[in-house]
């Protein structure tokens, strides 16, 4: 029997510092330099060292957990969507493609994006960077709690989900997240 669902991409959440171009008004995914990335709590000294490498507009970001799951049937996606919403991932949704491919995106809304420098010049104080990192680290902790609540909230060999079904569970493996059908355990 084939699996009911599989992950296509995931990230357990991260704090990053990007150095974009010198025009901070453009959204850039290309032509930017990743000065710092961590899937753990971040300290000010690491950000200060990374900021010294910035030549353009450096932006501090917290990107919460994201998980994309392709589901065999719409009802499988609906079950996992309910688990995601119950765990606090309010920006989750299901899309069905033209050819019937069903995708579940598990997302949250508690991101953070703050510019710190412009044209390589620091625009904020170190005290403000410390404040922002406290906020980002709190968001990372909240992110972890949401993931854990969706993993352990009623899921296990002999337990049912909060909706009364023994359906799926997230499996956190370092900074990656996958989905297992029923309870098969997680390979760490």
C-alpha atoms as a PDB file:
ATOM      1  CA  UNK A   1       0.000   0.000   0.000  1.00  0.00           C
ATOM      2  CA  UNK A   2       1.307   3.439  -0.907  1.00  0.00           C
ATOM      3  CA  UNK A   3       1.588   6.185   1.681  1.00  0.00           C
ATOM      4  CA  UNK A   4      -1.364   8.526   2.004  1.00  0.00           C
ATOM      5  CA  UNK A   5       0.873  11.595   2.120  1.00  0.00           C
ATOM      6  CA  UNK A   6       4.474  12.755   1.876  1.00  0.00           C
ATOM      7  CA  UNK A   7       6.337  15.978   2.552  1.00  0.00           C
ATOM      8  CA  UNK A   8       7.591  17.999  -0.385  1.00  0.00           C
ATOM      9  CA  UNK A   9       9.347  20.702   1.640  1.00  0.00           C
ATOM     10  CA  UNK A  10       9.674  21.792   5.238  1.00  0.00           C
ATOM     11  CA  UNK A  11      11.516  23.951   7.730  1.00  0.00           C
ATOM     12  CA  UNK A  12      11.094  23.840  11.505  1.00  0.00           C
ATOM     13  CA  UNK A  13      11.637  27.629  11.718  1.00  0.00           C
ATOM     14  CA  UNK A  14      14.666  29.877  11.525  1.00  0.00           C
ATOM     15  CA  UNK A  15      16.168  33.234  12.414  1.00  0.00           C
ATOM     16  CA  UNK A  16      18.166  34.794   9.621  1.00  0.00           C
ATOM     17  CA  UNK A  17      19.954  37.949   8.603  1.00  0.00           C
ATOM     18  CA  UNK A  18      19.876  38.795   4.906  1.00  0.00           C
ATOM     19  CA  UNK A  19      21.838  41.455   3.046  1.00  0.00           C
ATOM     20  CA  UNK A  20      19.772  42.510   0.062  1.00  0.00           C
ATOM     21  CA  UNK A  21      20.447  45.111  -2.580  1.00  0.00           C
ATOM     22  CA  UNK A  22      20.664  48.801  -1.794  1.00  0.00           C
ATOM     23  CA  UNK A  23      16.994  49.384  -2.612  1.00  0.00           C
ATOM     24  CA  UNK A  24      15.164  48.093   0.462  1.00  0.00           C
ATOM     25  CA  UNK A  25      11.773  48.684  -1.164  1.00  0.00           C
ATOM     26  CA  UNK A  26      12.105  45.714  -3.511  1.00  0.00           C
ATOM     27  CA  UNK A  27      11.334  42.184  -2.419  1.00  0.00           C
ATOM     28  CA  UNK A  28      14.407  40.197  -3.340  1.00  0.00           C
ATOM     29  CA  UNK A  29      14.942  36.484  -3.190  1.00  0.00           C
ATOM     30  CA  UNK A  30      17.774  36.551  -5.665  1.00  0.00           C
ATOM     31  CA  UNK A  31      20.898  38.656  -5.355  1.00  0.00           C
ATOM     32  CA  UNK A  32      20.831  38.655  -1.578  1.00  0.00           C
ATOM     33  CA  UNK A  33      23.475  37.339   0.775  1.00  0.00           C
ATOM     34  CA  UNK A  34      22.616  35.161   3.762  1.00  0.00           C
ATOM     35  CA  UNK A  35      24.744  36.638   6.524  1.00  0.00           C
ATOM     36  CA  UNK A  36      23.376  34.407   9.303  1.00  0.00           C
ATOM     37  CA  UNK A  37      20.918  31.545   9.588  1.00  0.00           C
ATOM     38  CA  UNK A  38      20.054  29.423  12.609  1.00  0.00           C
ATOM     39  CA  UNK A  39      17.289  27.009  13.502  1.00  0.00           C
ATOM     40  CA  UNK A  40      18.026  27.618  17.187  1.00  0.00           C
ATOM     41  CA  UNK A  41      17.882  30.596  19.503  1.00  0.00           C
ATOM     42  CA  UNK A  42      20.120  33.456  18.382  1.00  0.00           C
ATOM     43  CA  UNK A  43      22.514  35.679  20.351  1.00  0.00           C
ATOM     44  CA  UNK A  44      23.295  39.337  19.730  1.00  0.00           C
ATOM     45  CA  UNK A  45      27.047  38.812  19.238  1.00  0.00           C
ATOM     46  CA  UNK A  46      26.405  36.540  16.230  1.00  0.00           C
ATOM     47  CA  UNK A  47      24.156  39.167  14.628  1.00  0.00           C
ATOM     48  CA  UNK A  48      26.630  42.006  15.277  1.00  0.00           C
ATOM     49  CA  UNK A  49      29.478  40.021  13.682  1.00  0.00           C
ATOM     50  CA  UNK A  50      27.287  39.136  10.678  1.00  0.00           C
ATOM     51  CA  UNK A  51      26.096  42.747  10.270  1.00  0.00           C
ATOM     52  CA  UNK A  52      29.712  43.864   9.740  1.00  0.00           C
ATOM     53  CA  UNK A  53      29.609  41.962   6.433  1.00  0.00           C
ATOM     54  CA  UNK A  54      26.520  43.848   5.184  1.00  0.00           C
ATOM     55  CA  UNK A  55      26.966  46.134   2.178  1.00  0.00           C
ATOM     56  CA  UNK A  56      23.328  46.777   1.343  1.00  0.00           C
ATOM     57  CA  UNK A  57      20.096  46.643   3.290  1.00  0.00           C
ATOM     58  CA  UNK A  58      20.365  44.002   6.016  1.00  0.00           C
ATOM     59  CA  UNK A  59      17.116  42.576   7.344  1.00  0.00           C
ATOM     60  CA  UNK A  60      16.591  40.427  10.430  1.00  0.00           C
ATOM     61  CA  UNK A  61      13.871  37.819   9.929  1.00  0.00           C
ATOM     62  CA  UNK A  62      12.163  35.102  11.870  1.00  0.00           C
ATOM     63  CA  UNK A  63      10.442  32.607   9.587  1.00  0.00           C
ATOM     64  CA  UNK A  64       8.125  30.185  11.387  1.00  0.00           C
ATOM     65  CA  UNK A  65       7.538  26.496  10.732  1.00  0.00           C
ATOM     66  CA  UNK A  66       6.400  25.599   7.233  1.00  0.00           C
ATOM     67  CA  UNK A  67       5.412  22.193   5.918  1.00  0.00           C
ATOM     68  CA  UNK A  68       4.128  21.219   2.467  1.00  0.00           C
ATOM     69  CA  UNK A  69       2.454  17.832   2.198  1.00  0.00           C
ATOM     70  CA  UNK A  70       1.135  16.146  -0.922  1.00  0.00           C
ATOM     71  CA  UNK A  71      -1.894  14.048  -0.026  1.00  0.00           C
ATOM     72  CA  UNK A  72      -3.367  11.162  -1.968  1.00  0.00           C
ATOM     73  CA  UNK A  73      -6.958  12.167  -1.188  1.00  0.00           C
ATOM     74  CA  UNK A  74      -8.645  15.390  -0.186  1.00  0.00           C
ATOM     75  CA  UNK A  75      -9.931  13.822   3.035  1.00  0.00           C
ATOM     76  CA  UNK A  76      -6.332  13.049   4.077  1.00  0.00           C
ATOM     77  CA  UNK A  77      -5.429  16.718   3.591  1.00  0.00           C
ATOM     78  CA  UNK A  78      -8.523  17.771   5.553  1.00  0.00           C
ATOM     79  CA  UNK A  79      -7.519  15.593   8.500  1.00  0.00           C
ATOM     80  CA  UNK A  80      -4.006  17.032   8.613  1.00  0.00           C
ATOM     81  CA  UNK A  81      -5.372  20.542   8.085  1.00  0.00           C
ATOM     82  CA  UNK A  82      -7.531  20.121  11.200  1.00  0.00           C
ATOM     83  CA  UNK A  83      -4.490  19.025  13.199  1.00  0.00           C
ATOM     84  CA  UNK A  84      -2.555  22.043  11.951  1.00  0.00           C
ATOM     85  CA  UNK A  85      -5.300  24.527  12.826  1.00  0.00           C
ATOM     86  CA  UNK A  86      -5.777  22.935  16.269  1.00  0.00           C
ATOM     87  CA  UNK A  87      -2.030  23.345  16.925  1.00  0.00           C
ATOM     88  CA  UNK A  88      -2.140  27.074  16.114  1.00  0.00           C
ATOM     89  CA  UNK A  89      -0.986  27.074  12.481  1.00  0.00           C
ATOM     90  CA  UNK A  90      -3.770  29.452  11.418  1.00  0.00           C
ATOM     91  CA  UNK A  91      -2.363  30.300   7.986  1.00  0.00           C
ATOM     92  CA  UNK A  92      -2.604  26.709   6.743  1.00  0.00           C
ATOM     93  CA  UNK A  93      -4.533  25.723   3.655  1.00  0.00           C
ATOM     94  CA  UNK A  94      -5.293  23.110   1.031  1.00  0.00           C
ATOM     95  CA  UNK A  95      -4.948  23.538  -2.724  1.00  0.00           C
ATOM     96  CA  UNK A  96      -6.078  21.173  -5.428  1.00  0.00           C
ATOM     97  CA  UNK A  97      -4.258  21.497  -8.736  1.00  0.00           C
ATOM     98  CA  UNK A  98      -5.693  21.191 -12.242  1.00  0.00           C
ATOM     99  CA  UNK A  99      -4.605  17.565 -12.425  1.00  0.00           C
ATOM    100  CA  UNK A 100      -6.045  16.745  -9.002  1.00  0.00           C
ATOM    101  CA  UNK A 101      -2.820  16.993  -6.990  1.00  0.00           C
ATOM    102  CA  UNK A 102      -3.818  17.821  -3.403  1.00  0.00           C
ATOM    103  CA  UNK A 103      -1.335  19.876  -1.391  1.00  0.00           C
ATOM    104  CA  UNK A 104      -1.543  20.931   2.240  1.00  0.00           C
ATOM    105  CA  UNK A 105       0.526  23.925   3.356  1.00  0.00           C
ATOM    106  CA  UNK A 106       1.000  24.226   7.112  1.00  0.00           C
ATOM    107  CA  UNK A 107       1.981  27.777   7.983  1.00  0.00           C
ATOM    108  CA  UNK A 108       1.794  30.220  10.816  1.00  0.00           C
ATOM    109  CA  UNK A 109       1.446  33.976  11.040  1.00  0.00           C
ATOM    110  CA  UNK A 110       3.972  34.836  13.726  1.00  0.00           C
ATOM    111  CA  UNK A 111       6.878  35.894  11.524  1.00  0.00           C
ATOM    112  CA  UNK A 112       9.143  38.904  11.978  1.00  0.00           C
ATOM    113  CA  UNK A 113      10.959  41.054   9.421  1.00  0.00           C
ATOM    114  CA  UNK A 114      12.875  44.194  10.439  1.00  0.00           C
ATOM    115  CA  UNK A 115      15.446  46.206   8.469  1.00  0.00           C
ATOM    116  CA  UNK A 116      18.646  46.891  10.426  1.00  0.00           C
ATOM    117  CA  UNK A 117      20.949  48.615   7.952  1.00  0.00           C
ATOM    118  CA  UNK A 118      20.741  50.700   4.793  1.00  0.00           C
ATOM    119  CA  UNK A 119      23.551  50.818   2.234  1.00  0.00           C
ATOM    120  CA  UNK A 120      25.741  49.017   4.771  1.00  0.00           C
ATOM    121  CA  UNK A 121      25.146  51.574   7.548  1.00  0.00           C
ATOM    122  CA  UNK A 122      23.590  50.300  10.776  1.00  0.00           C
ATOM    123  CA  UNK A 123      20.311  52.178  11.348  1.00  0.00           C
ATOM    124  CA  UNK A 124      19.476  50.865  14.835  1.00  0.00           C
ATOM    125  CA  UNK A 125      21.219  50.592  18.193  1.00  0.00           C
ATOM    126  CA  UNK A 126      22.684  47.402  19.618  1.00  0.00           C
ATOM    127  CA  UNK A 127      20.119  47.728  22.388  1.00  0.00           C
ATOM    128  CA  UNK A 128      17.342  47.549  19.778  1.00  0.00           C
ATOM    129  CA  UNK A 129      19.003  44.521  18.130  1.00  0.00           C
ATOM    130  CA  UNK A 130      19.037  42.840  21.546  1.00  0.00           C
ATOM    131  CA  UNK A 131      15.325  43.645  21.935  1.00  0.00           C
ATOM    132  CA  UNK A 132      14.535  42.246  18.463  1.00  0.00           C
ATOM    133  CA  UNK A 133      16.458  39.056  19.181  1.00  0.00           C
ATOM    134  CA  UNK A 134      14.474  38.566  22.380  1.00  0.00           C
ATOM    135  CA  UNK A 135      11.294  38.888  20.301  1.00  0.00           C
ATOM    136  CA  UNK A 136      12.641  36.536  17.612  1.00  0.00           C
ATOM    137  CA  UNK A 137      13.761  33.984  20.213  1.00  0.00           C
ATOM    138  CA  UNK A 138      10.339  34.113  21.903  1.00  0.00           C
ATOM    139  CA  UNK A 139       8.758  33.478  18.502  1.00  0.00           C
ATOM    140  CA  UNK A 140      11.129  30.539  17.995  1.00  0.00           C
ATOM    141  CA  UNK A 141      10.068  29.089  21.360  1.00  0.00           C
ATOM    142  CA  UNK A 142       6.370  29.562  20.512  1.00  0.00           C
ATOM    143  CA  UNK A 143       7.054  27.942  17.158  1.00  0.00           C
ATOM    144  CA  UNK A 144       8.601  24.912  18.876  1.00  0.00           C
ATOM    145  CA  UNK A 145       5.599  24.614  21.224  1.00  0.00           C
ATOM    146  CA  UNK A 146       3.193  24.632  18.282  1.00  0.00           C
ATOM    147  CA  UNK A 147       5.144  21.906  16.530  1.00  0.00           C
ATOM    148  CA  UNK A 148       5.332  19.821  19.699  1.00  0.00           C
ATOM    149  CA  UNK A 149       1.621  20.260  20.415  1.00  0.00           C
ATOM    150  CA  UNK A 150       0.766  18.958  16.965  1.00  0.00           C
ATOM    151  CA  UNK A 151       3.170  16.029  17.422  1.00  0.00           C
ATOM    152  CA  UNK A 152       2.079  14.926  20.887  1.00  0.00           C
ATOM    153  CA  UNK A 153      -1.523  16.143  21.189  1.00  0.00           C
ATOM    154  CA  UNK A 154      -3.161  12.767  21.414  1.00  0.00           C
ATOM    155  CA  UNK A 155      -0.899  11.025  18.927  1.00  0.00           C
ATOM    156  CA  UNK A 156       0.668   7.738  19.742  1.00  0.00           C
ATOM    157  CA  UNK A 157       0.414   4.028  19.186  1.00  0.00           C
ATOM    158  CA  UNK A 158      -2.849   3.581  21.079  1.00  0.00           C
ATOM    159  CA  UNK A 159      -4.183   7.145  21.080  1.00  0.00           C
ATOM    160  CA  UNK A 160      -6.413   9.116  18.791  1.00  0.00           C
ATOM    161  CA  UNK A 161      -6.040  12.678  17.576  1.00  0.00           C
ATOM    162  CA  UNK A 162      -8.031  15.518  19.183  1.00  0.00           C
ATOM    163  CA  UNK A 163     -10.610  15.021  16.419  1.00  0.00           C
ATOM    164  CA  UNK A 164     -11.089  11.355  17.367  1.00  0.00           C
ATOM    165  CA  UNK A 165      -9.018   9.816  14.566  1.00  0.00           C
ATOM    166  CA  UNK A 166      -5.689   8.052  14.627  1.00  0.00           C
ATOM    167  CA  UNK A 167      -4.500   9.908  11.549  1.00  0.00           C
ATOM    168  CA  UNK A 168      -1.094  11.497  11.022  1.00  0.00           C
ATOM    169  CA  UNK A 169       1.584  13.262  12.993  1.00  0.00           C
ATOM    170  CA  UNK A 170       4.441  15.596  12.304  1.00  0.00           C
ATOM    171  CA  UNK A 171       7.928  14.245  12.877  1.00  0.00           C
ATOM    172  CA  UNK A 172      10.600  16.787  13.800  1.00  0.00           C
ATOM    173  CA  UNK A 173      14.066  15.772  12.623  1.00  0.00           C
ATOM    174  CA  UNK A 174      16.562  18.538  13.335  1.00  0.00           C
ATOM    175  CA  UNK A 175      15.385  21.519  11.299  1.00  0.00           C
ATOM    176  CA  UNK A 176      13.268  19.376   8.957  1.00  0.00           C
ATOM    177  CA  UNK A 177       9.733  18.160   9.514  1.00  0.00           C
ATOM    178  CA  UNK A 178       8.019  15.213   7.898  1.00  0.00           C
ATOM    179  CA  UNK A 179       4.654  13.507   8.177  1.00  0.00           C
ATOM    180  CA  UNK A 180       4.126   9.889   9.072  1.00  0.00           C
ATOM    181  CA  UNK A 181       0.924   7.957   8.514  1.00  0.00           C
ATOM    182  CA  UNK A 182      -0.628   6.823  11.777  1.00  0.00           C
ATOM    183  CA  UNK A 183       2.058   6.048  14.333  1.00  0.00           C
ATOM    184  CA  UNK A 184       5.221   4.652  12.871  1.00  0.00           C
ATOM    185  CA  UNK A 185       7.686   6.538  15.020  1.00  0.00           C
ATOM    186  CA  UNK A 186      10.256   9.047  13.916  1.00  0.00           C
ATOM    187  CA  UNK A 187      13.739   8.292  12.704  1.00  0.00           C
ATOM    188  CA  UNK A 188      16.045  10.855  14.307  1.00  0.00           C
END
